[in-house]
Amino acid sequence: MVTKEICKLPSFLSPALFRKIDLDCTGMTRDAFIKCWVDGNMLMLDIATQIFEILKQPGRKYLTQVDFKPVLRELLATHPGLEFLRSTPEFQDR
C-alpha cells in the first residue's frame, strides 16, 4: 500500500490522501503519486504536519470537525475492533 510504504502514514489516511492528490478521482500510477508527494515537499514535513496538510481544506490554515469525517469513516469500516459499531447508525451520525 502506497500510503504506508511511500508516505509512512497509517492506511486509514489513504482515502483523505488520495482525495487530496487525485482531484478528479481518475486514479494515478505509483510514479505519479510519488511525484506529487515529492513535488509537494511532503518529505520535508514532520508526520503531524503531513497529516494536517492532508486533512485540511484548500486555502485554510485550520481543521474543522468535517475534515476528520473521512478518517473516522475509514477507521469504522476497516478496524476489526470497531466492527460492532458498523450497524449503529446513531453512532455513525455523531
N, C-alpha and C. Protein backbone atom coordinates (compact mmCIF):
# COMPACT_ATOMS: atom_id res chain seq x y z
N MET A 1 0.84 -1.19 0.00
CA MET A 1 0.00 0.00 0.00
C MET A 1 0.88 1.24 0.00
N VAL A 2 0.61 2.12 -0.91
CA VAL A 2 1.43 3.32 -1.12
C VAL A 2 1.46 4.21 0.12
N THR A 3 0.33 4.35 0.78
CA THR A 3 0.27 5.24 1.95
C THR A 3 1.27 4.81 3.01
N LYS A 4 1.33 3.52 3.27
CA LYS A 4 2.25 3.01 4.29
C LYS A 4 3.68 2.92 3.79
N GLU A 5 3.88 2.41 2.56
CA GLU A 5 5.23 2.19 2.04
C GLU A 5 5.95 3.49 1.70
N ILE A 6 5.31 4.35 0.97
CA ILE A 6 5.95 5.58 0.48
C ILE A 6 5.86 6.71 1.50
N CYS A 7 4.66 6.93 2.03
CA CYS A 7 4.41 8.09 2.89
C CYS A 7 4.69 7.81 4.36
N LYS A 8 4.76 6.53 4.71
CA LYS A 8 4.97 6.12 6.12
C LYS A 8 3.85 6.64 7.02
N LEU A 9 2.63 6.62 6.47
CA LEU A 9 1.45 7.07 7.21
C LEU A 9 0.50 5.91 7.41
N PRO A 10 -0.36 5.98 8.42
CA PRO A 10 -1.34 4.91 8.64
C PRO A 10 -2.28 4.77 7.45
N SER A 11 -2.67 3.55 7.17
CA SER A 11 -3.52 3.28 6.00
C SER A 11 -4.90 3.92 6.09
N PHE A 12 -5.37 4.23 7.30
CA PHE A 12 -6.69 4.86 7.41
C PHE A 12 -6.70 6.28 6.86
N LEU A 13 -5.53 6.82 6.54
CA LEU A 13 -5.46 8.14 5.91
C LEU A 13 -5.52 8.06 4.39
N SER A 14 -5.51 6.85 3.84
CA SER A 14 -5.50 6.67 2.38
C SER A 14 -6.60 7.42 1.65
N PRO A 15 -7.87 7.27 2.04
CA PRO A 15 -8.92 7.99 1.30
C PRO A 15 -8.72 9.51 1.29
N ALA A 16 -8.37 10.08 2.44
CA ALA A 16 -8.15 11.53 2.51
C ALA A 16 -6.95 11.94 1.67
N LEU A 17 -5.90 11.15 1.71
CA LEU A 17 -4.69 11.46 0.94
C LEU A 17 -4.96 11.40 -0.55
N PHE A 18 -5.65 10.37 -1.01
CA PHE A 18 -5.91 10.25 -2.44
C PHE A 18 -6.90 11.29 -2.94
N ARG A 19 -7.86 11.68 -2.10
CA ARG A 19 -8.76 12.77 -2.50
C ARG A 19 -7.98 14.08 -2.66
N LYS A 20 -6.96 14.25 -1.83
CA LYS A 20 -6.14 15.46 -1.88
C LYS A 20 -5.27 15.50 -3.14
N ILE A 21 -4.71 14.35 -3.51
CA ILE A 21 -3.78 14.29 -4.63
C ILE A 21 -4.49 14.07 -5.97
N ASP A 22 -5.45 13.16 -6.00
CA ASP A 22 -6.15 12.81 -7.24
C ASP A 22 -7.48 13.56 -7.28
N LEU A 23 -7.42 14.83 -7.60
CA LEU A 23 -8.59 15.71 -7.52
C LEU A 23 -9.75 15.26 -8.40
N ASP A 24 -9.46 14.65 -9.54
CA ASP A 24 -10.51 14.21 -10.46
C ASP A 24 -10.99 12.79 -10.19
N CYS A 25 -10.38 12.13 -9.21
CA CYS A 25 -10.73 10.74 -8.86
C CYS A 25 -10.65 9.82 -10.09
N THR A 26 -9.60 10.01 -10.88
CA THR A 26 -9.42 9.19 -12.08
C THR A 26 -8.39 8.10 -11.87
N GLY A 27 -7.71 8.13 -10.74
CA GLY A 27 -6.65 7.16 -10.48
C GLY A 27 -5.31 7.71 -10.93
N MET A 28 -4.24 7.12 -10.42
CA MET A 28 -2.91 7.55 -10.81
C MET A 28 -1.92 6.41 -10.60
N THR A 29 -0.85 6.47 -11.35
CA THR A 29 0.18 5.45 -11.23
C THR A 29 0.98 5.70 -9.96
N ARG A 30 1.71 4.68 -9.55
CA ARG A 30 2.58 4.81 -8.38
C ARG A 30 3.60 5.93 -8.61
N ASP A 31 4.18 5.97 -9.80
CA ASP A 31 5.17 7.01 -10.11
C ASP A 31 4.57 8.41 -10.05
N ALA A 32 3.35 8.56 -10.54
CA ALA A 32 2.68 9.87 -10.49
C ALA A 32 2.40 10.26 -9.05
N PHE A 33 2.00 9.28 -8.24
CA PHE A 33 1.75 9.55 -6.82
C PHE A 33 3.03 10.02 -6.14
N ILE A 34 4.12 9.29 -6.37
CA ILE A 34 5.40 9.65 -5.75
C ILE A 34 5.82 11.05 -6.18
N LYS A 35 5.64 11.37 -7.45
CA LYS A 35 5.99 12.70 -7.96
C LYS A 35 5.19 13.78 -7.22
N CYS A 36 3.90 13.56 -7.04
CA CYS A 36 3.06 14.53 -6.30
C CYS A 36 3.53 14.68 -4.87
N TRP A 37 3.87 13.56 -4.24
CA TRP A 37 4.31 13.57 -2.84
C TRP A 37 5.62 14.34 -2.71
N VAL A 38 6.56 14.08 -3.61
CA VAL A 38 7.86 14.74 -3.57
C VAL A 38 7.74 16.21 -3.99
N ASP A 39 7.04 16.48 -5.08
CA ASP A 39 6.88 17.85 -5.57
C ASP A 39 6.13 18.74 -4.58
N GLY A 40 5.26 18.13 -3.77
CA GLY A 40 4.53 18.88 -2.76
C GLY A 40 5.33 19.12 -1.49
N ASN A 41 6.61 18.73 -1.52
CA ASN A 41 7.52 18.90 -0.38
C ASN A 41 7.05 18.20 0.89
N MET A 42 6.23 17.17 0.73
CA MET A 42 5.72 16.46 1.90
C MET A 42 6.82 15.71 2.66
N LEU A 43 7.90 15.35 1.98
CA LEU A 43 9.01 14.65 2.63
C LEU A 43 9.71 15.53 3.66
N MET A 44 9.62 16.82 3.48
CA MET A 44 10.31 17.77 4.36
C MET A 44 9.52 18.05 5.64
N LEU A 45 8.28 17.58 5.71
CA LEU A 45 7.41 17.88 6.85
C LEU A 45 7.41 16.75 7.86
N ASP A 46 7.22 17.09 9.13
CA ASP A 46 7.06 16.03 10.13
C ASP A 46 5.69 15.38 9.95
N ILE A 47 5.48 14.25 10.60
CA ILE A 47 4.25 13.47 10.39
C ILE A 47 3.01 14.27 10.77
N ALA A 48 3.06 15.00 11.88
CA ALA A 48 1.89 15.77 12.30
C ALA A 48 1.52 16.82 11.25
N THR A 49 2.51 17.47 10.67
CA THR A 49 2.25 18.48 9.65
C THR A 49 1.76 17.83 8.36
N GLN A 50 2.31 16.67 8.01
CA GLN A 50 1.82 15.94 6.83
C GLN A 50 0.33 15.63 6.99
N ILE A 51 -0.05 15.11 8.15
CA ILE A 51 -1.46 14.77 8.38
C ILE A 51 -2.33 16.02 8.34
N PHE A 52 -1.86 17.10 8.94
CA PHE A 52 -2.59 18.37 8.90
C PHE A 52 -2.82 18.81 7.45
N GLU A 53 -1.77 18.76 6.64
CA GLU A 53 -1.87 19.17 5.23
C GLU A 53 -2.82 18.27 4.44
N ILE A 54 -2.82 16.99 4.75
CA ILE A 54 -3.71 16.05 4.07
C ILE A 54 -5.16 16.32 4.43
N LEU A 55 -5.44 16.58 5.70
CA LEU A 55 -6.82 16.71 6.16
C LEU A 55 -7.45 18.07 5.90
N LYS A 56 -6.67 19.13 5.95
CA LYS A 56 -7.27 20.47 5.85
C LYS A 56 -7.79 20.75 4.44
N GLN A 57 -8.78 21.60 4.37
CA GLN A 57 -9.36 22.00 3.09
C GLN A 57 -8.43 23.01 2.41
N PRO A 58 -8.42 23.04 1.08
CA PRO A 58 -7.57 24.00 0.36
C PRO A 58 -7.87 25.44 0.79
N GLY A 59 -6.82 26.21 0.97
CA GLY A 59 -6.98 27.61 1.32
C GLY A 59 -7.18 27.87 2.81
N ARG A 60 -7.29 26.83 3.61
CA ARG A 60 -7.48 27.01 5.05
C ARG A 60 -6.17 26.77 5.80
N LYS A 61 -6.09 27.39 6.97
CA LYS A 61 -4.94 27.20 7.84
C LYS A 61 -5.37 26.52 9.13
N TYR A 62 -6.50 25.83 9.10
CA TYR A 62 -7.05 25.18 10.28
C TYR A 62 -7.87 23.97 9.86
N LEU A 63 -8.15 23.12 10.83
CA LEU A 63 -9.00 21.95 10.60
C LEU A 63 -10.37 22.18 11.23
N THR A 64 -11.37 21.58 10.65
CA THR A 64 -12.71 21.61 11.23
C THR A 64 -13.13 20.17 11.51
N GLN A 65 -14.21 20.02 12.22
CA GLN A 65 -14.73 18.70 12.55
C GLN A 65 -15.01 17.88 11.28
N VAL A 66 -15.49 18.52 10.26
CA VAL A 66 -15.81 17.86 8.99
C VAL A 66 -14.56 17.24 8.35
N ASP A 67 -13.40 17.86 8.55
CA ASP A 67 -12.16 17.35 7.96
C ASP A 67 -11.79 15.96 8.47
N PHE A 68 -12.27 15.60 9.65
CA PHE A 68 -11.94 14.31 10.25
C PHE A 68 -12.91 13.20 9.83
N LYS A 69 -14.03 13.54 9.24
CA LYS A 69 -15.04 12.53 8.91
C LYS A 69 -14.54 11.42 7.99
N PRO A 70 -13.79 11.74 6.91
CA PRO A 70 -13.30 10.64 6.06
C PRO A 70 -12.41 9.65 6.82
N VAL A 71 -11.59 10.17 7.73
CA VAL A 71 -10.70 9.31 8.51
C VAL A 71 -11.52 8.44 9.46
N LEU A 72 -12.50 9.04 10.11
CA LEU A 72 -13.34 8.28 11.04
C LEU A 72 -14.16 7.22 10.30
N ARG A 73 -14.66 7.56 9.12
CA ARG A 73 -15.40 6.57 8.32
C ARG A 73 -14.50 5.39 7.94
N GLU A 74 -13.28 5.69 7.54
CA GLU A 74 -12.34 4.64 7.15
C GLU A 74 -11.99 3.76 8.35
N LEU A 75 -11.74 4.37 9.49
CA LEU A 75 -11.46 3.60 10.70
C LEU A 75 -12.63 2.69 11.05
N LEU A 76 -13.81 3.23 11.00
CA LEU A 76 -15.01 2.46 11.32
C LEU A 76 -15.19 1.29 10.34
N ALA A 77 -14.89 1.52 9.08
CA ALA A 77 -15.08 0.50 8.05
C ALA A 77 -14.01 -0.59 8.09
N THR A 78 -12.82 -0.28 8.58
CA THR A 78 -11.71 -1.24 8.45
C THR A 78 -11.17 -1.79 9.76
N HIS A 79 -11.39 -1.13 10.87
CA HIS A 79 -10.81 -1.59 12.14
C HIS A 79 -11.64 -2.73 12.71
N PRO A 80 -11.03 -3.90 12.89
CA PRO A 80 -11.78 -5.06 13.39
C PRO A 80 -12.40 -4.83 14.77
N GLY A 81 -11.75 -4.06 15.61
CA GLY A 81 -12.26 -3.80 16.95
C GLY A 81 -13.48 -2.89 16.98
N LEU A 82 -13.77 -2.23 15.86
CA LEU A 82 -14.92 -1.33 15.79
C LEU A 82 -16.07 -1.91 14.98
N GLU A 83 -15.96 -3.18 14.63
CA GLU A 83 -16.98 -3.83 13.80
C GLU A 83 -18.38 -3.72 14.41
N PHE A 84 -18.47 -3.80 15.72
CA PHE A 84 -19.78 -3.74 16.38
C PHE A 84 -20.48 -2.40 16.18
N LEU A 85 -19.75 -1.36 15.83
CA LEU A 85 -20.35 -0.03 15.63
C LEU A 85 -20.87 0.18 14.21
N ARG A 86 -20.51 -0.69 13.29
CA ARG A 86 -20.91 -0.52 11.89
C ARG A 86 -22.42 -0.54 11.71
N SER A 87 -23.10 -1.27 12.54
CA SER A 87 -24.56 -1.38 12.41
C SER A 87 -25.28 -0.44 13.37
N THR A 88 -24.59 0.59 13.84
CA THR A 88 -25.17 1.54 14.78
C THR A 88 -25.22 2.92 14.14
N PRO A 89 -26.28 3.21 13.36
CA PRO A 89 -26.36 4.49 12.64
C PRO A 89 -26.29 5.71 13.55
N GLU A 90 -26.85 5.62 14.75
CA GLU A 90 -26.82 6.78 15.64
C GLU A 90 -25.40 7.13 16.05
N PHE A 91 -24.53 6.13 16.17
CA PHE A 91 -23.12 6.39 16.47
C PHE A 91 -22.44 7.03 15.26
N GLN A 92 -22.70 6.51 14.09
CA GLN A 92 -22.05 7.00 12.88
C GLN A 92 -22.41 8.44 12.58
N ASP A 93 -23.61 8.86 12.92
CA ASP A 93 -24.04 10.24 12.67
C ASP A 93 -23.32 11.24 13.57
N ARG A 94 -22.88 10.79 14.71
CA ARG A 94 -22.21 11.68 15.65
C ARG A 94 -20.79 11.89 15.22
